[in-house]
Amino acid sequence: HFGPCTAERGASHQALRELGASQVAEAFGDMSTTASEVLSAKPGHIREAVPPQKGPVALLQEFVQCSRQFSAPQHRPILQWSYDQRMATCTGLAFRATVAFLLDGIPHHVAGGWRSSKKLSQRDVAERALTFFVGRWGAQLLEEDAGGKPKDIMGEQGVSEVMLLEQYCQSYTACAGSRPRWSRTVDAAGVTAQVEILLLGVPHKFQGTTRQSESEARQDAARRVLWYFQFPGYQHLFSPDMRSAAVLGKEIPAPPTNWACTGEEAAELRSAERKTVLMRVQNKLQQGMVKRLRPGERPWEWSYEVDDNDTSWPPLCRARVVVPALGEAFVGRWARGQREAQIEACLLVADFLDADIGATALAPSASGSITDSEEAALGPNQRIVVSDEHQ
């Protein structure tokens, strides 16, 4: 979840608290009839509880729209989807969907599990989100309404918010006595703290704003999480920014890279990205140039340079790819073998297409592709994109 304070793998209970436990069952039927039933719900089995006429994606969208204090933006989809992919077998891919949405003006990102197709991964994450939001948090609210509210903890004079957050997590039943886990990122602007908290068995990641020291960064993140939990004295410390890019922009800003990954998963994602970059970029070029390519015409042309002085195998190789419709040539860095060299050049094409200039260049145009003479005239300081490490 990524919002005023956060990057979270899971979901917020703010919308449920606004509805109230008594309204949850009415709004979502049998999904929250009893605490024991909803707490035993598992991803993949939620379809037994939802009304048969609606799937999990439609139900999740209804849940997101149920906020009484915040109206969802009308200029974009309620649910926004993105996907990670990794190699499941030597030739097959697995996909994991992430769904982004606003709850009470706060951006949330929820990651699902790995599935064999994008459609299945989309359904999986919607089921998991509903199980958590409506099932587990619904049961938690019923329990709190029955007298199981979190213990009131009054911060002692001089106690830091970091310590206060730790005391709260250890006393709150939804955290099951788990302690916050801290990490940080450092850049030229300063230090940003992230804290991971286990809520009802689901890891949540929260991020603060950039500060000049790690201590200040942790204090900032802790204050925001305490506000998020509506801890006494912090209820009005922050409020969602209705003018932020998350609300007014075309898309909700993405969370940090690999935020929902373990170290091993992150390495697998990087490997899958390299192995599939040729397929992904070629598909993107063909889709963008569908009206410009003649039948059988390739969207790019490849050539290779081999280091004649290299005696190892596979030899050092450097790839050059020309994309006539873009009027660009790309030269990758030296790599072992033609395949790796091709990947290095293709990564440059991918970076170019991800930039605004690349997206504009792929837009339909009446000018068509460049001619052979124009391609031959491409010079190293004009229309050739070369890797910084090509020498």
Protein backbone atom coordinates (compact mmCIF):
# COMPACT_ATOMS: atom_id res chain seq x y z
CA HIS A 1 0.00 0.00 0.00
CA PHE A 2 1.48 3.32 -0.95
CA GLY A 3 -0.11 6.52 0.33
CA PRO A 4 0.63 9.49 2.57
CA CYS A 5 2.71 7.14 4.68
CA THR A 6 2.72 3.82 3.10
CA ALA A 7 3.73 0.91 0.93
CA GLU A 8 1.68 -2.04 2.05
CA ARG A 9 1.24 -5.66 1.05
CA GLY A 10 -2.32 -6.16 2.17
CA ALA A 11 -5.12 -3.68 2.75
CA SER A 12 -6.54 -1.02 5.04
CA HIS A 13 -9.42 -1.48 7.43
CA GLN A 14 -10.48 2.17 7.25
CA ALA A 15 -13.41 1.53 4.90
CA LEU A 16 -14.65 -1.31 7.08
CA ARG A 17 -14.50 0.87 10.18
CA GLU A 18 -16.51 3.49 8.32
CA LEU A 19 -19.17 0.97 7.31
CA GLY A 20 -19.30 -0.57 10.76
CA ALA A 21 -19.42 -4.27 11.52
CA SER A 22 -23.22 -4.40 11.32
CA GLN A 23 -23.21 -3.08 7.74
CA VAL A 24 -20.51 -5.47 6.46
CA ALA A 25 -22.76 -8.51 6.43
CA GLU A 26 -25.57 -6.54 4.78
CA ALA A 27 -23.28 -5.16 2.07
CA PHE A 28 -21.44 -8.40 1.24
CA GLY A 29 -23.81 -11.16 2.24
CA ASP A 30 -22.49 -14.43 3.62
CA MET A 31 -18.86 -13.31 3.43
CA SER A 32 -19.03 -11.99 6.98
CA THR A 33 -21.81 -13.92 8.67
CA THR A 34 -19.65 -15.35 11.43
CA ALA A 35 -16.12 -14.72 12.60
CA SER A 36 -15.12 -18.39 12.44
CA GLU A 37 -16.25 -18.72 8.83
CA VAL A 38 -14.50 -15.64 7.51
CA LEU A 39 -11.27 -16.25 9.40
CA SER A 40 -11.06 -19.72 7.86
CA ALA A 41 -11.53 -18.33 4.33
CA LYS A 42 -8.59 -18.95 2.03
CA PRO A 43 -7.72 -17.51 -1.39
CA GLY A 44 -9.29 -19.72 -4.03
CA HIS A 45 -12.29 -20.59 -1.82
CA ILE A 46 -13.94 -17.21 -1.48
CA ARG A 47 -16.14 -17.96 -4.48
CA GLU A 48 -18.17 -20.26 -2.24
CA ALA A 49 -19.24 -17.26 -0.16
CA VAL A 50 -19.80 -14.55 -2.75
CA PRO A 51 -23.06 -14.12 -4.63
CA PRO A 52 -22.90 -16.28 -7.80
CA GLN A 53 -23.82 -13.43 -10.13
CA LYS A 54 -20.70 -11.40 -9.31
CA GLY A 55 -17.05 -12.30 -9.49
CA PRO A 56 -14.33 -11.22 -7.04
CA VAL A 57 -13.10 -8.35 -9.24
CA ALA A 58 -16.57 -6.80 -9.42
CA LEU A 59 -17.07 -7.26 -5.67
CA LEU A 60 -13.72 -5.67 -4.89
CA GLN A 61 -14.65 -2.66 -7.02
CA GLU A 62 -17.94 -2.32 -5.11
CA PHE A 63 -16.07 -2.48 -1.82
CA VAL A 64 -13.65 0.24 -2.90
CA GLN A 65 -16.55 2.46 -3.94
CA CYS A 66 -18.43 2.05 -0.64
CA SER A 67 -16.60 4.92 1.12
CA ARG A 68 -19.00 7.63 2.28
CA GLN A 69 -16.34 10.30 2.78
CA PHE A 70 -14.38 9.97 -0.44
CA SER A 71 -15.72 9.80 -3.97
CA ALA A 72 -13.53 7.87 -6.38
CA PRO A 73 -12.12 9.89 -9.32
CA GLN A 74 -14.32 9.62 -12.41
CA HIS A 75 -11.56 10.09 -14.98
CA ARG A 76 -9.86 6.70 -14.53
CA PRO A 77 -10.57 3.04 -13.62
CA ILE A 78 -11.45 2.31 -10.00
CA LEU A 79 -9.07 -0.66 -9.97
CA GLN A 80 -5.67 -0.32 -11.63
CA TRP A 81 -3.69 -3.44 -12.50
CA SER A 82 -0.02 -4.26 -12.96
CA TYR A 83 1.81 -7.57 -13.29
CA ASP A 84 5.12 -9.18 -12.39
CA GLN A 85 6.33 -12.23 -14.23
CA ARG A 86 8.94 -14.90 -13.63
CA MET A 87 10.03 -18.14 -15.24
CA ALA A 88 7.84 -20.99 -13.93
CA THR A 89 9.46 -23.60 -16.19
CA CYS A 90 12.14 -23.51 -18.86
CA THR A 91 9.59 -22.23 -21.37
CA GLY A 92 6.61 -21.07 -19.28
CA LEU A 93 5.91 -17.90 -17.32
CA ALA A 94 4.07 -17.30 -14.05
CA PHE A 95 2.30 -14.02 -13.32
CA ARG A 96 1.50 -12.08 -10.16
CA ALA A 97 -1.04 -9.27 -10.26
CA THR A 98 -1.01 -6.13 -8.14
CA VAL A 99 -4.18 -4.09 -7.85
CA ALA A 100 -4.07 -0.41 -6.88
CA PHE A 101 -7.02 1.65 -5.63
CA LEU A 102 -7.97 4.46 -3.27
CA LEU A 103 -9.68 3.83 0.07
CA ASP A 104 -10.76 7.02 1.82
CA GLY A 105 -8.29 8.90 -0.36
CA ILE A 106 -5.35 6.65 0.62
CA PRO A 107 -3.58 4.73 -2.18
CA HIS A 108 -3.38 0.98 -1.58
CA HIS A 109 -1.47 -1.66 -3.52
CA VAL A 110 -2.36 -5.31 -2.94
CA ALA A 111 -0.18 -8.13 -4.30
CA GLY A 112 -1.49 -11.62 -5.03
CA GLY A 113 0.15 -14.98 -5.62
CA TRP A 114 1.83 -16.49 -8.68
CA ARG A 115 -0.52 -17.95 -11.30
CA SER A 116 -0.18 -19.38 -14.81
CA SER A 117 -1.99 -16.49 -16.57
CA LYS A 118 -2.68 -12.82 -16.03
CA LYS A 119 -6.42 -13.46 -15.82
CA LEU A 120 -5.98 -16.04 -13.05
CA SER A 121 -3.55 -13.79 -11.18
CA GLN A 122 -6.05 -10.91 -11.39
CA ARG A 123 -8.80 -13.06 -9.91
CA ASP A 124 -6.43 -14.37 -7.25
CA VAL A 125 -5.48 -10.95 -5.93
CA ALA A 126 -9.12 -9.81 -5.92
CA GLU A 127 -10.06 -12.89 -3.88
CA ARG A 128 -7.20 -12.29 -1.45
CA ALA A 129 -8.13 -8.63 -1.03
CA LEU A 130 -11.77 -9.50 -0.33
CA THR A 131 -10.78 -12.27 2.07
CA PHE A 132 -8.63 -9.83 3.98
CA PHE A 133 -10.76 -6.68 3.81
CA VAL A 134 -14.20 -8.12 4.27
CA GLY A 135 -13.40 -11.47 5.84
CA ARG A 136 -10.60 -11.03 8.32
CA TRP A 137 -11.10 -7.35 9.11
CA GLY A 138 -14.84 -7.89 9.28
CA ALA A 139 -14.29 -10.61 11.86
CA GLN A 140 -11.84 -8.38 13.73
CA LEU A 141 -14.43 -5.60 13.93
CA LEU A 142 -17.07 -8.01 15.19
CA GLU A 143 -14.64 -9.14 17.87
CA GLU A 144 -13.80 -5.56 18.86
CA ASP A 145 -17.48 -4.61 19.00
CA ALA A 146 -17.97 -7.54 21.36
CA GLY A 147 -15.41 -6.13 23.76
CA GLY A 148 -12.08 -7.00 22.21
CA LYS A 149 -10.92 -3.48 21.40
CA PRO A 150 -7.18 -2.68 21.49
CA LYS A 151 -5.85 -1.76 24.92
CA ASP A 152 -5.54 1.97 25.46
CA ILE A 153 -1.88 2.87 25.60
CA MET A 154 -0.96 6.33 26.73
CA GLY A 155 2.48 7.45 25.66
CA GLU A 156 4.69 8.45 28.54
CA GLN A 157 6.39 11.81 28.51
CA GLY A 158 9.47 11.62 26.32
CA VAL A 159 8.60 8.25 24.73
CA SER A 160 9.27 8.31 21.00
CA GLU A 161 6.64 7.43 18.40
CA VAL A 162 8.82 4.50 17.31
CA MET A 163 8.58 2.99 20.79
CA LEU A 164 4.89 3.87 21.04
CA LEU A 165 4.20 2.02 17.77
CA GLU A 166 6.07 -1.02 19.03
CA GLN A 167 4.06 -1.08 22.27
CA TYR A 168 0.81 -0.74 20.33
CA CYS A 169 1.67 -3.62 17.97
CA GLN A 170 2.59 -5.88 20.87
CA SER A 171 -0.72 -5.19 22.64
CA TYR A 172 -3.06 -5.24 19.62
CA THR A 173 -4.55 -8.69 18.92
CA ALA A 174 -4.56 -8.09 15.15
CA CYS A 175 -0.74 -7.88 15.28
CA ALA A 176 -0.50 -11.10 17.34
CA GLY A 177 2.37 -9.69 19.39
CA SER A 178 4.63 -9.16 16.37
CA ARG A 179 7.14 -6.34 16.42
CA PRO A 180 7.61 -3.77 13.64
CA ARG A 181 10.52 -4.46 11.31
CA TRP A 182 12.42 -1.43 10.03
CA SER A 183 14.40 -0.80 6.86
CA ARG A 184 15.58 2.29 5.04
CA THR A 185 16.60 3.71 1.67
CA VAL A 186 19.21 6.41 1.28
CA ASP A 187 19.65 8.77 -1.68
CA ALA A 188 20.87 12.27 -2.37
CA ALA A 189 17.70 13.78 -0.87
CA GLY A 190 18.10 12.02 2.48
CA VAL A 191 16.80 8.95 4.33
CA THR A 192 13.39 7.28 3.94
CA ALA A 193 12.22 4.73 6.52
CA GLN A 194 10.00 1.74 5.84
CA VAL A 195 8.30 -0.35 8.50
CA GLU A 196 6.70 -3.76 8.05
CA ILE A 197 3.88 -4.76 10.39
CA LEU A 198 2.04 -8.08 10.47
CA LEU A 199 -1.74 -7.51 10.55
CA LEU A 200 -3.98 -10.55 10.77
CA GLY A 201 -1.22 -12.64 9.24
CA VAL A 202 -0.67 -10.30 6.27
CA PRO A 203 2.58 -8.29 6.01
CA HIS A 204 1.92 -4.55 5.60
CA LYS A 205 4.65 -2.14 4.52
CA PHE A 206 4.45 1.55 5.39
CA GLN A 207 6.81 4.26 4.20
CA GLY A 208 7.37 7.76 5.54
CA THR A 209 8.74 10.85 3.87
CA THR A 210 12.38 11.68 3.25
CA ARG A 211 14.27 13.12 6.22
CA GLN A 212 17.83 14.15 6.94
CA SER A 213 18.59 11.32 9.39
CA GLU A 214 17.44 7.75 9.97
CA SER A 215 16.10 8.64 13.41
CA GLU A 216 13.95 11.44 12.00
CA ALA A 217 12.79 9.19 9.16
CA ARG A 218 11.66 6.47 11.58
CA GLN A 219 9.83 8.96 13.76
CA ASP A 220 8.02 10.35 10.72
CA ALA A 221 6.96 6.89 9.49
CA ALA A 222 5.85 5.85 13.00
CA ARG A 223 3.65 8.97 13.35
CA ARG A 224 1.97 8.22 10.05
CA VAL A 225 1.29 4.60 10.97
CA LEU A 226 -0.16 5.66 14.34
CA TRP A 227 -2.44 8.04 12.45
CA TYR A 228 -3.37 5.24 10.09
CA PHE A 229 -4.41 3.12 13.09
CA GLN A 230 -6.25 6.15 14.55
CA PHE A 231 -4.22 5.92 17.74
CA PRO A 232 -5.54 8.32 20.44
CA GLY A 233 -3.95 11.74 19.97
CA TYR A 234 -2.96 11.03 16.37
CA GLN A 235 -6.39 10.86 14.72
CA HIS A 236 -6.13 14.31 13.17
CA LEU A 237 -2.38 14.54 12.67
CA PHE A 238 -2.64 13.87 8.92
CA SER A 239 -5.31 13.82 6.26
CA PRO A 240 -5.34 12.46 2.69
CA ASP A 241 -4.23 15.03 0.12
CA MET A 242 -7.08 15.42 -2.37
CA ARG A 243 -4.76 17.33 -4.72
CA SER A 244 -2.06 14.68 -4.85
CA ALA A 245 -1.03 12.79 -7.99
CA ALA A 246 -2.65 9.68 -6.53
CA VAL A 247 -6.05 11.40 -6.66
CA LEU A 248 -5.76 13.72 -9.65
CA GLY A 249 -3.34 11.81 -11.85
CA LYS A 250 -4.20 9.38 -14.60
CA GLU A 251 -2.64 6.56 -12.60
CA ILE A 252 -1.90 5.91 -8.94
CA PRO A 253 1.88 6.26 -8.46
CA ALA A 254 3.64 2.91 -8.33
CA PRO A 255 5.06 1.56 -5.07
CA PRO A 256 8.81 0.95 -4.70
CA THR A 257 10.34 -1.63 -7.03
CA ASN A 258 10.02 -5.22 -5.77
CA TRP A 259 8.17 -4.00 -2.65
CA ALA A 260 6.26 -7.28 -2.38
CA CYS A 261 9.22 -9.56 -3.09
CA THR A 262 11.67 -11.51 -1.03
CA GLY A 263 15.32 -11.29 -2.05
CA GLU A 264 15.02 -14.58 -3.93
CA GLU A 265 11.87 -13.46 -5.76
CA ALA A 266 13.50 -10.17 -6.76
CA ALA A 267 16.38 -12.08 -8.36
CA GLU A 268 13.90 -14.31 -10.21
CA LEU A 269 12.03 -11.25 -11.50
CA ARG A 270 15.22 -9.68 -12.81
CA SER A 271 16.11 -12.94 -14.53
CA ALA A 272 12.65 -13.24 -16.08
CA GLU A 273 12.78 -9.63 -17.24
CA ARG A 274 16.02 -10.28 -19.12
CA LYS A 275 14.83 -13.54 -20.63
CA THR A 276 11.53 -12.12 -21.86
CA VAL A 277 12.64 -8.63 -22.88
CA LEU A 278 12.96 -9.59 -26.58
CA MET A 279 9.41 -10.92 -26.72
CA ARG A 280 7.93 -8.01 -24.77
CA VAL A 281 9.66 -5.27 -26.74
CA GLN A 282 8.93 -6.89 -30.10
CA ASN A 283 5.24 -7.19 -29.18
CA LYS A 284 5.18 -3.55 -28.11
CA LEU A 285 6.79 -2.44 -31.38
CA GLN A 286 4.40 -4.51 -33.47
CA GLN A 287 1.37 -3.15 -31.62
CA GLY A 288 2.57 0.43 -31.99
CA MET A 289 3.42 0.03 -35.67
CA VAL A 290 0.55 -2.20 -36.74
CA LYS A 291 -0.52 0.23 -39.50
CA ARG A 292 3.03 0.92 -40.68
CA LEU A 293 4.40 -2.58 -41.14
CA ARG A 294 3.83 -4.40 -44.42
CA PRO A 295 2.91 -8.12 -44.28
CA GLY A 296 6.02 -10.08 -43.32
CA GLU A 297 8.03 -6.95 -42.49
CA ARG A 298 10.06 -7.05 -39.30
CA PRO A 299 9.85 -4.19 -36.79
CA TRP A 300 13.65 -4.18 -36.32
CA GLU A 301 16.89 -5.32 -37.94
CA TRP A 302 19.80 -6.83 -36.05
CA SER A 303 23.55 -6.95 -36.69
CA TYR A 304 26.44 -8.12 -34.50
CA GLU A 305 30.08 -7.30 -33.90
CA VAL A 306 32.47 -9.90 -32.48
CA ASP A 307 35.74 -9.14 -30.68
CA ASP A 308 38.35 -10.88 -32.86
CA ASN A 309 40.92 -10.69 -30.08
CA ASP A 310 38.81 -12.64 -27.62
CA THR A 311 39.74 -16.34 -27.39
CA SER A 312 37.09 -17.41 -24.87
CA TRP A 313 33.78 -19.11 -25.70
CA PRO A 314 31.23 -17.80 -26.20
CA PRO A 315 33.10 -14.80 -27.61
CA LEU A 316 32.53 -11.19 -26.66
CA CYS A 317 29.79 -9.79 -28.85
CA ARG A 318 28.00 -6.48 -29.29
CA ALA A 319 24.58 -6.11 -30.89
CA ARG A 320 23.16 -3.26 -32.95
CA VAL A 321 19.45 -2.98 -33.67
CA VAL A 322 17.79 -0.51 -36.03
CA VAL A 323 14.11 0.33 -35.57
CA PRO A 324 13.17 2.09 -38.83
CA ALA A 325 9.77 3.31 -37.62
CA LEU A 326 11.46 5.11 -34.72
CA GLY A 327 14.34 6.41 -36.78
CA GLU A 328 16.66 5.09 -34.08
CA ALA A 329 19.55 2.66 -33.81
CA PHE A 330 20.62 1.10 -30.51
CA VAL A 331 24.03 -0.35 -29.68
CA GLY A 332 24.32 -2.51 -26.58
CA ARG A 333 27.36 -3.16 -24.45
CA TRP A 334 29.75 -6.08 -24.94
CA ALA A 335 28.47 -9.40 -23.57
CA ARG A 336 29.34 -13.09 -23.75
CA GLY A 337 27.48 -14.64 -26.67
CA GLN A 338 25.05 -13.30 -29.25
CA ARG A 339 21.99 -13.93 -27.10
CA GLU A 340 23.27 -11.85 -24.17
CA ALA A 341 24.45 -9.12 -26.53
CA GLN A 342 20.98 -9.01 -28.09
CA ILE A 343 19.41 -8.66 -24.65
CA GLU A 344 21.71 -5.73 -23.78
CA ALA A 345 20.66 -3.83 -26.90
CA CYS A 346 17.02 -4.72 -26.40
CA LEU A 347 17.08 -3.26 -22.88
CA LEU A 348 18.06 0.07 -24.44
CA VAL A 349 15.05 -0.14 -26.77
CA ALA A 350 12.81 -0.92 -23.79
CA ASP A 351 14.10 2.09 -21.84
CA PHE A 352 13.55 4.30 -24.89
CA LEU A 353 9.97 3.08 -25.35
CA ASP A 354 9.20 3.60 -21.66
CA ALA A 355 10.24 7.25 -21.94
CA ASP A 356 7.81 9.86 -23.26
CA ILE A 357 9.83 10.36 -26.43
CA GLY A 358 9.55 6.66 -27.25
CA ALA A 359 5.81 6.57 -26.67
CA THR A 360 5.39 9.61 -28.92
CA ALA A 361 7.54 8.05 -31.62
CA LEU A 362 5.32 4.97 -31.66
CA ALA A 363 2.17 7.03 -32.14
CA PRO A 364 0.50 6.61 -35.55
CA SER A 365 2.13 8.81 -38.16
CA ALA A 366 1.56 9.50 -41.84
CA SER A 367 5.28 9.79 -42.46
CA GLY A 368 5.89 6.01 -42.36
CA SER A 369 9.27 4.31 -41.89
CA ILE A 370 12.61 5.84 -42.67
CA THR A 371 14.24 4.86 -45.95
CA ASP A 372 17.39 2.77 -46.40
CA SER A 373 19.36 5.90 -47.22
CA GLU A 374 18.12 7.58 -44.07
CA GLU A 375 19.09 4.56 -41.99
CA ALA A 376 22.54 4.47 -43.57
CA ALA A 377 22.98 8.14 -42.68
CA LEU A 378 22.42 7.53 -38.99
CA GLY A 379 25.47 8.84 -37.18
CA PRO A 380 26.89 8.08 -33.73
CA ASN A 381 25.99 11.56 -32.49
CA GLN A 382 22.61 11.82 -34.11
CA ARG A 383 20.08 9.01 -33.97
CA ILE A 384 22.04 6.15 -32.42
CA VAL A 385 21.43 5.24 -28.77
CA VAL A 386 24.55 3.62 -27.32
CA SER A 387 25.01 1.95 -23.94
CA ASP A 388 27.05 3.95 -21.46
CA GLU A 389 29.31 0.94 -21.04
CA HIS A 390 29.70 0.00 -24.71
CA GLN A 391 33.39 0.74 -24.94
